[in-house]
Amino acid sequence: MKPYCTAALLGIALFFLPYCDYTKGNNSTSLKLEADSLKTIDSLNKVSLLSKAEEALQFCKDYNYNEQICLLINMNVHSGKHRFYVWDFNKRAAIDSGLVSHGCGTAPWSGEGSADKPIFSNVPDSHLSSLGKYKIGERAISQWGVRIKYNLHGLEATNNNALKRFIVFHSWESVGDIATHPIGSPESWGCPAVSNLFFLRVDTILQAADQPVLMWIFNE
């Protein structure tokens, strides 16, 4: 086999190996966590999610995005609670949820000092998360978690520097699967990072989508 063929095959193997490692033997655990996660949505948050989901569906219809699924992140929820939702437009309900990080800003990276009061910015090097709608972009290799990431294309003035700021959707071992409130989730440099198992569940959905999927990060 020619050297460049061997290198190509090795690269493909390295891309999928972490995925196999995390999924092997974790199916039953993942399914239980998926079921448990949906018990954490309180009534007030449900109202907010329903309202955002209706807006999101209209956006998806107007701009030819996926009309089955979208990803909603409510940063108004304490970071130690589930606030990242996989929303099913047909069921008009969240079918999965998980913890998600937000940016630390000038505070120490991986701390949890702003668990219930995140600050947002679209400025490069601010280390803060950005509010707004995103197009889930290319699936690529990551240095974090299960070694997979999705590039995020900011669609609004509040987040249009996402690519320039290297803001991506990825997993992170430091983010757990179970609510930690009143302790917050570890804070990133602006990326919406989730647990390895939750990421893999979302990754399966994103890979099956035949149209761009909307992610909407809001704070209300």
N, C-alpha and C. Protein backbone atom coordinates (compact mmCIF):
# COMPACT_ATOMS: atom_id res chain seq x y z
N MET A 1 0.85 -1.20 0.00
CA MET A 1 0.00 0.00 0.00
C MET A 1 0.88 1.25 0.00
N LYS A 2 0.50 2.23 -0.79
CA LYS A 2 1.31 3.44 -0.89
C LYS A 2 1.25 4.23 0.42
N PRO A 3 2.34 4.96 0.74
CA PRO A 3 2.40 5.67 2.02
C PRO A 3 1.23 6.62 2.23
N TYR A 4 0.83 7.36 1.17
CA TYR A 4 -0.23 8.35 1.38
C TYR A 4 -1.57 7.67 1.64
N CYS A 5 -1.78 6.44 1.09
CA CYS A 5 -3.00 5.69 1.36
C CYS A 5 -3.03 5.23 2.82
N THR A 6 -1.87 4.76 3.30
CA THR A 6 -1.77 4.33 4.70
C THR A 6 -2.06 5.49 5.64
N ALA A 7 -1.51 6.66 5.34
CA ALA A 7 -1.72 7.84 6.19
C ALA A 7 -3.19 8.23 6.21
N ALA A 8 -3.84 8.15 5.06
CA ALA A 8 -5.25 8.53 4.97
C ALA A 8 -6.11 7.59 5.82
N LEU A 9 -5.84 6.29 5.72
CA LEU A 9 -6.60 5.31 6.49
C LEU A 9 -6.37 5.49 7.98
N LEU A 10 -5.13 5.79 8.35
CA LEU A 10 -4.81 6.03 9.76
C LEU A 10 -5.57 7.24 10.28
N GLY A 11 -5.64 8.29 9.46
CA GLY A 11 -6.37 9.50 9.87
C GLY A 11 -7.84 9.21 10.10
N ILE A 12 -8.45 8.42 9.22
CA ILE A 12 -9.86 8.08 9.38
C ILE A 12 -10.07 7.27 10.66
N ALA A 13 -9.16 6.33 10.90
CA ALA A 13 -9.28 5.50 12.10
C ALA A 13 -9.18 6.33 13.36
N LEU A 14 -8.25 7.26 13.39
CA LEU A 14 -8.08 8.12 14.56
C LEU A 14 -9.28 9.00 14.79
N PHE A 15 -9.97 9.38 13.70
CA PHE A 15 -11.15 10.23 13.82
C PHE A 15 -12.30 9.48 14.50
N PHE A 16 -12.49 8.19 14.14
CA PHE A 16 -13.63 7.46 14.65
C PHE A 16 -13.33 6.64 15.91
N LEU A 17 -12.06 6.40 16.22
CA LEU A 17 -11.72 5.58 17.38
C LEU A 17 -12.25 6.14 18.69
N PRO A 18 -12.06 7.44 18.98
CA PRO A 18 -12.60 7.97 20.25
C PRO A 18 -14.11 7.78 20.33
N TYR A 19 -14.81 7.96 19.20
CA TYR A 19 -16.25 7.79 19.17
C TYR A 19 -16.62 6.37 19.59
N CYS A 20 -15.89 5.38 19.05
CA CYS A 20 -16.16 3.98 19.38
C CYS A 20 -15.88 3.71 20.85
N ASP A 21 -14.80 4.28 21.38
CA ASP A 21 -14.43 4.05 22.77
C ASP A 21 -15.54 4.52 23.71
N TYR A 22 -16.12 5.70 23.43
CA TYR A 22 -17.11 6.26 24.32
C TYR A 22 -18.47 5.59 24.19
N THR A 23 -18.81 5.10 22.98
CA THR A 23 -20.12 4.48 22.79
C THR A 23 -20.13 3.03 23.26
N LYS A 24 -18.99 2.37 23.22
CA LYS A 24 -18.92 0.95 23.60
C LYS A 24 -19.29 0.78 25.07
N GLY A 25 -20.35 0.01 25.31
CA GLY A 25 -20.76 -0.29 26.68
C GLY A 25 -21.52 0.82 27.36
N ASN A 26 -21.79 1.94 26.66
CA ASN A 26 -22.43 3.08 27.29
C ASN A 26 -23.87 3.27 26.83
N ASN A 27 -24.39 2.38 26.00
CA ASN A 27 -25.72 2.58 25.45
C ASN A 27 -26.80 2.64 26.52
N SER A 28 -26.79 1.70 27.47
CA SER A 28 -27.81 1.68 28.51
C SER A 28 -27.69 2.89 29.42
N THR A 29 -26.46 3.29 29.75
CA THR A 29 -26.24 4.48 30.57
C THR A 29 -26.75 5.72 29.86
N SER A 30 -26.45 5.84 28.58
CA SER A 30 -26.87 6.99 27.80
C SER A 30 -28.38 7.09 27.73
N LEU A 31 -29.07 5.96 27.52
CA LEU A 31 -30.52 5.98 27.41
C LEU A 31 -31.16 6.39 28.73
N LYS A 32 -30.60 5.93 29.86
CA LYS A 32 -31.13 6.31 31.16
C LYS A 32 -30.94 7.80 31.41
N LEU A 33 -29.74 8.31 31.07
CA LEU A 33 -29.47 9.73 31.26
C LEU A 33 -30.38 10.57 30.38
N GLU A 34 -30.65 10.08 29.17
CA GLU A 34 -31.54 10.79 28.26
C GLU A 34 -32.94 10.90 28.86
N ALA A 35 -33.43 9.84 29.44
CA ALA A 35 -34.76 9.84 30.05
C ALA A 35 -34.79 10.74 31.29
N ASP A 36 -33.77 10.62 32.14
CA ASP A 36 -33.72 11.42 33.36
C ASP A 36 -33.61 12.90 33.07
N SER A 37 -32.93 13.26 31.98
CA SER A 37 -32.68 14.66 31.69
C SER A 37 -33.96 15.44 31.46
N LEU A 38 -35.00 14.77 30.99
CA LEU A 38 -36.24 15.47 30.65
C LEU A 38 -37.10 15.77 31.87
N LYS A 39 -36.69 15.26 33.03
CA LYS A 39 -37.44 15.53 34.25
C LYS A 39 -37.03 16.86 34.89
N THR A 40 -36.04 17.54 34.31
CA THR A 40 -35.46 18.71 34.95
C THR A 40 -35.99 20.03 34.42
N ILE A 41 -36.95 20.00 33.48
CA ILE A 41 -37.46 21.23 32.88
C ILE A 41 -38.63 21.75 33.71
N ASP A 42 -38.47 22.89 34.37
CA ASP A 42 -39.54 23.41 35.19
C ASP A 42 -40.59 24.11 34.32
N SER A 43 -41.75 24.41 34.92
CA SER A 43 -42.89 24.93 34.16
C SER A 43 -42.60 26.29 33.52
N LEU A 44 -41.89 27.17 34.24
CA LEU A 44 -41.58 28.49 33.70
C LEU A 44 -40.68 28.38 32.48
N ASN A 45 -39.70 27.50 32.55
CA ASN A 45 -38.79 27.30 31.44
C ASN A 45 -39.51 26.68 30.24
N LYS A 46 -40.49 25.82 30.49
CA LYS A 46 -41.26 25.21 29.41
C LYS A 46 -41.97 26.28 28.58
N VAL A 47 -42.51 27.29 29.25
CA VAL A 47 -43.20 28.37 28.55
C VAL A 47 -42.23 29.11 27.65
N SER A 48 -41.04 29.41 28.16
CA SER A 48 -40.02 30.09 27.38
C SER A 48 -39.58 29.25 26.19
N LEU A 49 -39.41 27.95 26.42
CA LEU A 49 -38.98 27.06 25.35
C LEU A 49 -40.03 26.96 24.26
N LEU A 50 -41.29 26.86 24.63
CA LEU A 50 -42.36 26.78 23.64
C LEU A 50 -42.39 28.02 22.77
N SER A 51 -42.22 29.18 23.40
CA SER A 51 -42.23 30.44 22.65
C SER A 51 -41.05 30.49 21.69
N LYS A 52 -39.86 30.15 22.16
CA LYS A 52 -38.68 30.17 21.30
C LYS A 52 -38.79 29.14 20.18
N ALA A 53 -39.35 27.99 20.52
CA ALA A 53 -39.48 26.93 19.52
C ALA A 53 -40.40 27.36 18.38
N GLU A 54 -41.46 28.08 18.69
CA GLU A 54 -42.36 28.57 17.64
C GLU A 54 -41.63 29.54 16.71
N GLU A 55 -40.85 30.43 17.31
CA GLU A 55 -40.04 31.36 16.50
C GLU A 55 -39.01 30.61 15.67
N ALA A 56 -38.39 29.61 16.30
CA ALA A 56 -37.35 28.84 15.63
C ALA A 56 -37.93 28.10 14.42
N LEU A 57 -39.11 27.53 14.58
CA LEU A 57 -39.74 26.80 13.47
C LEU A 57 -40.01 27.71 12.29
N GLN A 58 -40.50 28.91 12.58
CA GLN A 58 -40.77 29.84 11.48
C GLN A 58 -39.48 30.23 10.77
N PHE A 59 -38.42 30.43 11.55
CA PHE A 59 -37.11 30.74 10.97
C PHE A 59 -36.66 29.60 10.06
N CYS A 60 -36.82 28.38 10.54
CA CYS A 60 -36.38 27.22 9.76
C CYS A 60 -37.16 27.10 8.46
N LYS A 61 -38.44 27.41 8.50
CA LYS A 61 -39.26 27.37 7.29
C LYS A 61 -38.83 28.46 6.31
N ASP A 62 -38.55 29.64 6.85
CA ASP A 62 -38.20 30.78 6.00
C ASP A 62 -36.84 30.62 5.32
N TYR A 63 -35.90 29.94 6.01
CA TYR A 63 -34.53 29.89 5.51
C TYR A 63 -34.06 28.47 5.17
N ASN A 64 -35.01 27.55 5.01
CA ASN A 64 -34.70 26.18 4.57
C ASN A 64 -33.77 25.43 5.53
N TYR A 65 -34.05 25.57 6.81
CA TYR A 65 -33.34 24.79 7.82
C TYR A 65 -34.17 23.55 8.15
N ASN A 66 -33.58 22.65 8.91
CA ASN A 66 -34.26 21.43 9.30
C ASN A 66 -35.53 21.75 10.08
N GLU A 67 -36.66 21.17 9.68
CA GLU A 67 -37.94 21.44 10.32
C GLU A 67 -38.38 20.31 11.24
N GLN A 68 -37.44 19.42 11.57
CA GLN A 68 -37.73 18.34 12.50
C GLN A 68 -37.15 18.64 13.88
N ILE A 69 -35.91 19.14 13.89
CA ILE A 69 -35.15 19.29 15.13
C ILE A 69 -34.44 20.64 15.16
N CYS A 70 -34.35 21.24 16.34
CA CYS A 70 -33.42 22.36 16.55
C CYS A 70 -32.81 22.22 17.94
N LEU A 71 -31.76 22.98 18.20
CA LEU A 71 -31.08 22.96 19.49
C LEU A 71 -31.30 24.29 20.18
N LEU A 72 -31.88 24.27 21.36
CA LEU A 72 -32.18 25.49 22.11
C LEU A 72 -31.38 25.49 23.40
N ILE A 73 -30.71 26.62 23.68
CA ILE A 73 -29.93 26.76 24.91
C ILE A 73 -30.41 28.01 25.64
N ASN A 74 -30.95 27.82 26.83
CA ASN A 74 -31.46 28.94 27.61
C ASN A 74 -30.45 29.29 28.71
N MET A 75 -29.66 30.32 28.46
CA MET A 75 -28.63 30.73 29.40
C MET A 75 -29.19 31.43 30.64
N ASN A 76 -30.50 31.62 30.68
CA ASN A 76 -31.12 32.19 31.87
C ASN A 76 -31.26 31.14 32.98
N VAL A 77 -31.06 29.89 32.61
CA VAL A 77 -31.12 28.78 33.58
C VAL A 77 -29.73 28.60 34.20
N HIS A 78 -29.69 28.33 35.48
CA HIS A 78 -28.43 28.09 36.20
C HIS A 78 -27.61 27.02 35.48
N SER A 79 -26.30 27.24 35.38
CA SER A 79 -25.46 26.33 34.61
C SER A 79 -25.33 24.95 35.23
N GLY A 80 -25.75 24.80 36.48
CA GLY A 80 -25.75 23.49 37.12
C GLY A 80 -27.02 22.70 36.84
N LYS A 81 -27.92 23.28 36.03
CA LYS A 81 -29.15 22.58 35.63
C LYS A 81 -29.11 22.35 34.12
N HIS A 82 -29.93 21.41 33.68
CA HIS A 82 -30.02 21.15 32.24
C HIS A 82 -30.65 22.35 31.55
N ARG A 83 -29.95 22.89 30.56
CA ARG A 83 -30.45 24.07 29.86
C ARG A 83 -30.17 24.01 28.35
N PHE A 84 -29.66 22.90 27.89
CA PHE A 84 -29.44 22.65 26.47
C PHE A 84 -30.49 21.61 26.06
N TYR A 85 -31.36 21.97 25.11
CA TYR A 85 -32.49 21.12 24.77
C TYR A 85 -32.46 20.74 23.29
N VAL A 86 -32.68 19.46 23.04
CA VAL A 86 -32.93 18.99 21.68
C VAL A 86 -34.43 19.06 21.48
N TRP A 87 -34.86 19.97 20.62
CA TRP A 87 -36.30 20.23 20.48
C TRP A 87 -36.85 19.55 19.24
N ASP A 88 -37.93 18.80 19.43
CA ASP A 88 -38.62 18.13 18.34
C ASP A 88 -39.82 18.99 17.93
N PHE A 89 -39.77 19.55 16.73
CA PHE A 89 -40.85 20.43 16.29
C PHE A 89 -42.18 19.69 16.17
N ASN A 90 -42.16 18.44 15.74
CA ASN A 90 -43.40 17.68 15.57
C ASN A 90 -44.06 17.36 16.90
N LYS A 91 -43.25 17.03 17.90
CA LYS A 91 -43.78 16.70 19.22
C LYS A 91 -44.03 17.94 20.07
N ARG A 92 -43.49 19.08 19.61
CA ARG A 92 -43.57 20.34 20.36
C ARG A 92 -43.05 20.13 21.80
N ALA A 93 -41.90 19.46 21.88
CA ALA A 93 -41.33 19.13 23.18
C ALA A 93 -39.84 18.85 23.04
N ALA A 94 -39.14 18.98 24.17
CA ALA A 94 -37.73 18.58 24.22
C ALA A 94 -37.66 17.07 24.32
N ILE A 95 -36.84 16.46 23.49
CA ILE A 95 -36.68 15.00 23.54
C ILE A 95 -35.38 14.60 24.23
N ASP A 96 -34.56 15.58 24.57
CA ASP A 96 -33.33 15.32 25.32
C ASP A 96 -32.83 16.64 25.86
N SER A 97 -32.04 16.61 26.90
CA SER A 97 -31.45 17.84 27.45
C SER A 97 -30.18 17.51 28.21
N GLY A 98 -29.38 18.54 28.47
CA GLY A 98 -28.14 18.33 29.18
C GLY A 98 -27.55 19.62 29.72
N LEU A 99 -26.50 19.48 30.50
CA LEU A 99 -25.74 20.62 30.98
C LEU A 99 -24.93 21.20 29.84
N VAL A 100 -24.63 22.49 29.91
CA VAL A 100 -23.79 23.12 28.89
C VAL A 100 -23.03 24.27 29.53
N SER A 101 -21.81 24.45 29.12
CA SER A 101 -20.96 25.52 29.66
C SER A 101 -21.27 26.84 28.99
N HIS A 102 -20.82 27.92 29.64
CA HIS A 102 -20.79 29.24 29.00
C HIS A 102 -19.42 29.87 29.27
N GLY A 103 -19.16 30.99 28.62
CA GLY A 103 -17.84 31.61 28.71
C GLY A 103 -17.52 32.19 30.07
N CYS A 104 -16.25 32.11 30.44
CA CYS A 104 -15.81 32.58 31.76
C CYS A 104 -15.44 34.06 31.77
N GLY A 105 -15.19 34.64 30.59
CA GLY A 105 -14.76 36.04 30.56
C GLY A 105 -13.39 36.22 31.19
N THR A 106 -13.29 37.16 32.11
CA THR A 106 -12.01 37.42 32.79
C THR A 106 -11.79 36.53 34.01
N ALA A 107 -12.80 35.73 34.35
CA ALA A 107 -12.67 34.81 35.49
C ALA A 107 -11.83 33.60 35.07
N PRO A 108 -11.38 32.80 36.03
CA PRO A 108 -10.57 31.64 35.69
C PRO A 108 -11.31 30.65 34.80
N TRP A 109 -10.61 30.13 33.80
CA TRP A 109 -11.15 29.10 32.94
C TRP A 109 -11.47 27.85 33.75
N SER A 110 -12.60 27.22 33.47
CA SER A 110 -13.11 26.00 34.10
C SER A 110 -13.66 26.23 35.51
N GLY A 111 -13.75 27.49 35.95
CA GLY A 111 -14.41 27.79 37.21
C GLY A 111 -15.91 27.76 37.04
N GLU A 112 -16.65 28.22 38.08
CA GLU A 112 -18.11 28.25 37.96
C GLU A 112 -18.69 29.45 38.68
N GLY A 113 -17.92 30.54 38.66
CA GLY A 113 -18.30 31.74 39.40
C GLY A 113 -19.49 32.51 38.85
N SER A 114 -19.83 32.30 37.57
CA SER A 114 -20.95 33.04 36.99
C SER A 114 -22.09 32.10 36.61
N ALA A 115 -22.29 31.08 37.43
CA ALA A 115 -23.26 30.02 37.12
C ALA A 115 -24.66 30.55 36.85
N ASP A 116 -25.07 31.59 37.56
CA ASP A 116 -26.43 32.12 37.36
C ASP A 116 -26.43 33.55 36.84
N LYS A 117 -25.28 34.03 36.40
CA LYS A 117 -25.21 35.41 35.90
C LYS A 117 -24.16 35.53 34.78
N PRO A 118 -24.31 34.77 33.72
CA PRO A 118 -23.33 34.86 32.62
C PRO A 118 -23.37 36.22 31.93
N ILE A 119 -22.23 36.61 31.41
CA ILE A 119 -22.11 37.82 30.61
C ILE A 119 -21.82 37.38 29.18
N PHE A 120 -22.29 38.15 28.20
CA PHE A 120 -22.17 37.74 26.81
C PHE A 120 -21.45 38.80 25.98
N SER A 121 -20.75 38.35 24.98
CA SER A 121 -20.02 39.27 24.11
C SER A 121 -19.74 38.58 22.78
N ASN A 122 -19.59 39.39 21.73
CA ASN A 122 -19.22 38.91 20.41
C ASN A 122 -17.80 39.35 20.05
N VAL A 123 -17.10 39.89 21.03
CA VAL A 123 -15.77 40.46 20.81
C VAL A 123 -14.70 39.36 20.87
N PRO A 124 -13.79 39.30 19.89
CA PRO A 124 -12.71 38.31 19.93
C PRO A 124 -11.89 38.43 21.22
N ASP A 125 -11.48 37.30 21.74
CA ASP A 125 -10.65 37.20 22.95
C ASP A 125 -11.39 37.63 24.22
N SER A 126 -12.70 37.79 24.16
CA SER A 126 -13.46 38.14 25.36
C SER A 126 -13.68 36.92 26.25
N HIS A 127 -13.56 35.71 25.68
CA HIS A 127 -13.78 34.46 26.40
C HIS A 127 -15.20 34.37 26.95
N LEU A 128 -16.13 35.02 26.25
CA LEU A 128 -17.53 35.01 26.64
C LEU A 128 -18.36 34.35 25.54
N SER A 129 -19.51 33.80 25.92
CA SER A 129 -20.43 33.22 24.96
C SER A 129 -21.21 34.33 24.27
N SER A 130 -21.75 34.02 23.10
CA SER A 130 -22.53 34.97 22.32
C SER A 130 -23.96 34.47 22.15
N LEU A 131 -24.90 35.37 22.34
CA LEU A 131 -26.31 35.04 22.15
C LEU A 131 -26.66 35.11 20.66
N GLY A 132 -27.72 34.40 20.29
CA GLY A 132 -28.21 34.49 18.92
C GLY A 132 -28.37 33.14 18.26
N LYS A 133 -28.81 33.18 17.02
CA LYS A 133 -29.02 31.97 16.22
C LYS A 133 -27.72 31.58 15.51
N TYR A 134 -27.50 30.27 15.45
CA TYR A 134 -26.32 29.73 14.78
C TYR A 134 -26.74 28.65 13.79
N LYS A 135 -26.04 28.57 12.71
CA LYS A 135 -26.15 27.42 11.81
C LYS A 135 -25.10 26.40 12.24
N ILE A 136 -25.54 25.15 12.52
CA ILE A 136 -24.59 24.09 12.82
C ILE A 136 -23.83 23.77 11.55
N GLY A 137 -22.53 23.94 11.59
CA GLY A 137 -21.71 23.80 10.40
C GLY A 137 -21.00 22.47 10.28
N GLU A 138 -19.79 22.54 9.82
CA GLU A 138 -19.02 21.36 9.46
C GLU A 138 -18.65 20.52 10.69
N ARG A 139 -18.70 19.20 10.51
CA ARG A 139 -18.26 18.26 11.53
C ARG A 139 -16.77 18.02 11.32
N ALA A 140 -15.99 18.19 12.38
CA ALA A 140 -14.53 18.12 12.24
C ALA A 140 -13.90 17.49 13.48
N ILE A 141 -12.59 17.34 13.43
CA ILE A 141 -11.84 16.77 14.55
C ILE A 141 -11.60 17.85 15.61
N SER A 142 -11.77 17.46 16.87
CA SER A 142 -11.58 18.37 17.99
C SER A 142 -10.50 17.83 18.92
N GLN A 143 -9.89 18.69 19.68
CA GLN A 143 -8.92 18.25 20.69
C GLN A 143 -9.60 17.95 22.02
N TRP A 144 -10.92 18.18 22.10
CA TRP A 144 -11.64 18.03 23.35
C TRP A 144 -12.57 16.81 23.32
N GLY A 145 -12.87 16.28 24.50
CA GLY A 145 -13.90 15.28 24.66
C GLY A 145 -13.75 14.08 23.75
N VAL A 146 -14.80 13.81 22.96
CA VAL A 146 -14.80 12.65 22.07
C VAL A 146 -14.09 12.96 20.75
N ARG A 147 -13.40 14.08 20.70
CA ARG A 147 -12.56 14.46 19.56
C ARG A 147 -13.39 14.79 18.31
N ILE A 148 -14.62 15.24 18.52
CA ILE A 148 -15.47 15.68 17.42
C ILE A 148 -16.04 17.05 17.77
N LYS A 149 -16.16 17.92 16.78
CA LYS A 149 -16.74 19.23 17.01
C LYS A 149 -17.58 19.61 15.80
N TYR A 150 -18.43 20.61 16.01
CA TYR A 150 -19.18 21.22 14.92
C TYR A 150 -18.87 22.71 14.91
N ASN A 151 -18.46 23.21 13.75
CA ASN A 151 -18.27 24.65 13.63
C ASN A 151 -19.62 25.35 13.71
N LEU A 152 -19.62 26.55 14.27
CA LEU A 152 -20.85 27.33 14.44
C LEU A 152 -20.77 28.61 13.63
N HIS A 153 -21.77 28.82 12.80
CA HIS A 153 -21.85 30.03 11.98
C HIS A 153 -22.87 30.98 12.61
N GLY A 154 -22.39 32.06 13.21
CA GLY A 154 -23.28 33.03 13.82
C GLY A 154 -24.09 33.78 12.76
N LEU A 155 -25.39 33.87 12.98
CA LEU A 155 -26.29 34.44 11.98
C LEU A 155 -26.79 35.83 12.33
N GLU A 156 -26.31 36.39 13.45
CA GLU A 156 -26.80 37.69 13.90
C GLU A 156 -25.63 38.59 14.29
N ALA A 157 -25.94 39.87 14.46
CA ALA A 157 -24.90 40.83 14.83
C ALA A 157 -24.30 40.50 16.19
N THR A 158 -25.03 39.77 17.00
CA THR A 158 -24.55 39.43 18.35
C THR A 158 -23.61 38.23 18.37
N ASN A 159 -23.51 37.50 17.24
CA ASN A 159 -22.67 36.29 17.26
C ASN A 159 -21.95 36.03 15.94
N ASN A 160 -21.90 37.04 15.06
CA ASN A 160 -21.32 36.80 13.73
C ASN A 160 -19.80 36.68 13.72
N ASN A 161 -19.17 36.76 14.87
CA ASN A 161 -17.73 36.53 14.96
C ASN A 161 -17.39 35.11 15.44
N ALA A 162 -18.40 34.24 15.47
CA ALA A 162 -18.20 32.91 16.05
C ALA A 162 -17.05 32.15 15.39
N LEU A 163 -17.02 32.11 14.08
CA LEU A 163 -15.94 31.39 13.40
C LEU A 163 -14.59 32.02 13.67
N LYS A 164 -14.55 33.34 13.64
CA LYS A 164 -13.31 34.05 13.89
C LYS A 164 -12.81 33.80 15.32
N ARG A 165 -13.75 33.63 16.23
CA ARG A 165 -13.42 33.41 17.64
C ARG A 165 -13.21 31.93 17.97
N PHE A 166 -13.35 31.05 16.98
CA PHE A 166 -13.22 29.60 17.19
C PHE A 166 -14.24 29.08 18.20
N ILE A 167 -15.45 29.65 18.14
CA ILE A 167 -16.54 29.17 18.98
C ILE A 167 -17.18 27.97 18.28
N VAL A 168 -17.10 26.80 18.91
CA VAL A 168 -17.60 25.57 18.30
C VAL A 168 -18.43 24.79 19.32
N PHE A 169 -19.19 23.85 18.83
CA PHE A 169 -19.96 22.93 19.68
C PHE A 169 -19.14 21.65 19.84
N HIS A 170 -18.77 21.33 21.09
CA HIS A 170 -17.95 20.14 21.33
C HIS A 170 -18.27 19.56 22.70
N SER A 171 -17.68 18.41 22.98
CA SER A 171 -17.85 17.82 24.31
C SER A 171 -16.62 18.11 25.15
N TRP A 172 -16.78 17.93 26.48
CA TRP A 172 -15.70 18.24 27.41
C TRP A 172 -15.88 17.34 28.62
N GLU A 173 -14.83 16.63 28.97
CA GLU A 173 -14.91 15.68 30.08
C GLU A 173 -15.32 16.35 31.39
N SER A 174 -15.04 17.62 31.54
CA SER A 174 -15.34 18.32 32.79
C SER A 174 -16.83 18.58 32.98
N VAL A 175 -17.60 18.52 31.90
CA VAL A 175 -19.05 18.75 32.00
C VAL A 175 -19.73 17.42 32.30
N GLY A 176 -20.56 17.41 33.33
CA GLY A 176 -21.20 16.17 33.76
C GLY A 176 -22.52 15.89 33.05
N ASP A 177 -23.11 14.76 33.40
CA ASP A 177 -24.40 14.36 32.85
C ASP A 177 -25.55 14.66 33.80
N ILE A 178 -25.24 14.76 35.08
CA ILE A 178 -26.28 14.95 36.09
C ILE A 178 -26.21 16.37 36.64
N ALA A 179 -27.38 16.96 36.89
CA ALA A 179 -27.45 18.33 37.41
C ALA A 179 -26.60 18.48 38.66
N THR A 180 -25.89 19.60 38.75
CA THR A 180 -24.98 19.86 39.87
C THR A 180 -25.43 21.03 40.73
N HIS A 181 -26.53 21.67 40.37
CA HIS A 181 -27.04 22.83 41.11
C HIS A 181 -27.09 22.54 42.61
N PRO A 182 -26.63 23.44 43.47
CA PRO A 182 -26.29 24.86 43.21
C PRO A 182 -24.87 25.10 42.69
N ILE A 183 -24.10 24.05 42.52
CA ILE A 183 -22.78 24.19 41.90
C ILE A 183 -22.98 24.30 40.39
N GLY A 184 -22.24 25.19 39.76
CA GLY A 184 -22.38 25.38 38.32
C GLY A 184 -21.49 24.45 37.52
N SER A 185 -21.72 24.42 36.23
CA SER A 185 -20.85 23.67 35.32
C SER A 185 -19.56 24.45 35.08
N PRO A 186 -18.47 23.78 34.78
CA PRO A 186 -17.22 24.48 34.49
C PRO A 186 -17.39 25.38 33.27
N GLU A 187 -16.72 26.52 33.33
CA GLU A 187 -16.89 27.54 32.28
C GLU A 187 -15.79 27.48 31.23
N SER A 188 -16.19 27.68 30.00
CA SER A 188 -15.30 27.57 28.85
C SER A 188 -14.78 28.95 28.44
N TRP A 189 -14.17 29.00 27.27
CA TRP A 189 -13.77 30.29 26.69
C TRP A 189 -14.80 30.77 25.68
N GLY A 190 -16.03 30.34 25.88
CA GLY A 190 -17.14 30.82 25.05
C GLY A 190 -17.88 29.74 24.31
N CYS A 191 -17.30 28.55 24.20
CA CYS A 191 -17.95 27.46 23.47
C CYS A 191 -19.08 26.84 24.31
N PRO A 192 -20.17 26.43 23.65
CA PRO A 192 -21.20 25.64 24.33
C PRO A 192 -20.74 24.18 24.39
N ALA A 193 -20.06 23.82 25.46
CA ALA A 193 -19.51 22.47 25.62
C ALA A 193 -20.43 21.64 26.50
N VAL A 194 -20.61 20.38 26.13
CA VAL A 194 -21.51 19.47 26.85
C VAL A 194 -20.75 18.20 27.23
N SER A 195 -21.43 17.33 27.94
CA SER A 195 -20.79 16.07 28.34
C SER A 195 -20.54 15.18 27.13
N ASN A 196 -19.66 14.22 27.29
CA ASN A 196 -19.35 13.30 26.19
C ASN A 196 -20.57 12.51 25.73
N LEU A 197 -21.32 11.95 26.69
CA LEU A 197 -22.46 11.13 26.33
C LEU A 197 -23.57 11.95 25.68
N PHE A 198 -23.83 13.12 26.22
CA PHE A 198 -24.87 13.97 25.63
C PHE A 198 -24.46 14.39 24.22
N PHE A 199 -23.20 14.73 24.05
CA PHE A 199 -22.72 15.13 22.72
C PHE A 199 -22.94 14.01 21.71
N LEU A 200 -22.63 12.78 22.10
CA LEU A 200 -22.79 11.66 21.18
C LEU A 200 -24.24 11.47 20.76
N ARG A 201 -25.17 11.71 21.68
CA ARG A 201 -26.58 11.60 21.32
C ARG A 201 -26.96 12.69 20.32
N VAL A 202 -26.48 13.90 20.57
CA VAL A 202 -26.78 15.00 19.64
C VAL A 202 -26.08 14.77 18.31
N ASP A 203 -24.86 14.27 18.36
CA ASP A 203 -24.09 14.01 17.15
C ASP A 203 -24.83 13.04 16.23
N THR A 204 -25.45 12.02 16.79
CA THR A 204 -26.23 11.06 15.99
C THR A 204 -27.36 11.76 15.24
N ILE A 205 -28.02 12.69 15.92
CA ILE A 205 -29.11 13.45 15.30
C ILE A 205 -28.59 14.36 14.20
N LEU A 206 -27.49 15.04 14.47
CA LEU A 206 -26.95 15.99 13.49
C LEU A 206 -26.46 15.27 12.24
N GLN A 207 -25.86 14.11 12.41
CA GLN A 207 -25.37 13.38 11.25
C GLN A 207 -26.52 12.88 10.36
N ALA A 208 -27.68 12.65 10.96
CA ALA A 208 -28.82 12.15 10.20
C ALA A 208 -29.61 13.27 9.53
N ALA A 209 -29.36 14.51 9.90
CA ALA A 209 -30.12 15.64 9.36
C ALA A 209 -29.76 15.89 7.90
N ASP A 210 -30.77 16.11 7.07
CA ASP A 210 -30.52 16.36 5.65
C ASP A 210 -30.62 17.84 5.28
N GLN A 211 -30.84 18.68 6.28
CA GLN A 211 -30.83 20.14 6.10
C GLN A 211 -30.08 20.75 7.28
N PRO A 212 -29.61 21.99 7.13
CA PRO A 212 -28.90 22.64 8.24
C PRO A 212 -29.77 22.68 9.50
N VAL A 213 -29.13 22.46 10.65
CA VAL A 213 -29.84 22.48 11.94
C VAL A 213 -29.55 23.80 12.64
N LEU A 214 -30.58 24.36 13.22
CA LEU A 214 -30.47 25.63 13.94
C LEU A 214 -30.11 25.40 15.41
N MET A 215 -29.13 26.14 15.91
CA MET A 215 -28.87 26.25 17.34
C MET A 215 -29.19 27.68 17.75
N TRP A 216 -29.96 27.84 18.80
CA TRP A 216 -30.32 29.18 19.24
C TRP A 216 -29.95 29.31 20.72
N ILE A 217 -29.03 30.21 21.02
CA ILE A 217 -28.62 30.50 22.40
C ILE A 217 -29.30 31.80 22.82
N PHE A 218 -30.10 31.73 23.86
CA PHE A 218 -30.83 32.92 24.32
C PHE A 218 -30.73 33.04 25.83
N ASN A 219 -31.25 34.11 26.38
CA ASN A 219 -31.10 34.39 27.81
C ASN A 219 -32.37 35.03 28.34
N GLU A 220 -33.42 34.20 28.45
CA GLU A 220 -34.70 34.73 28.95
C GLU A 220 -35.58 33.63 29.52
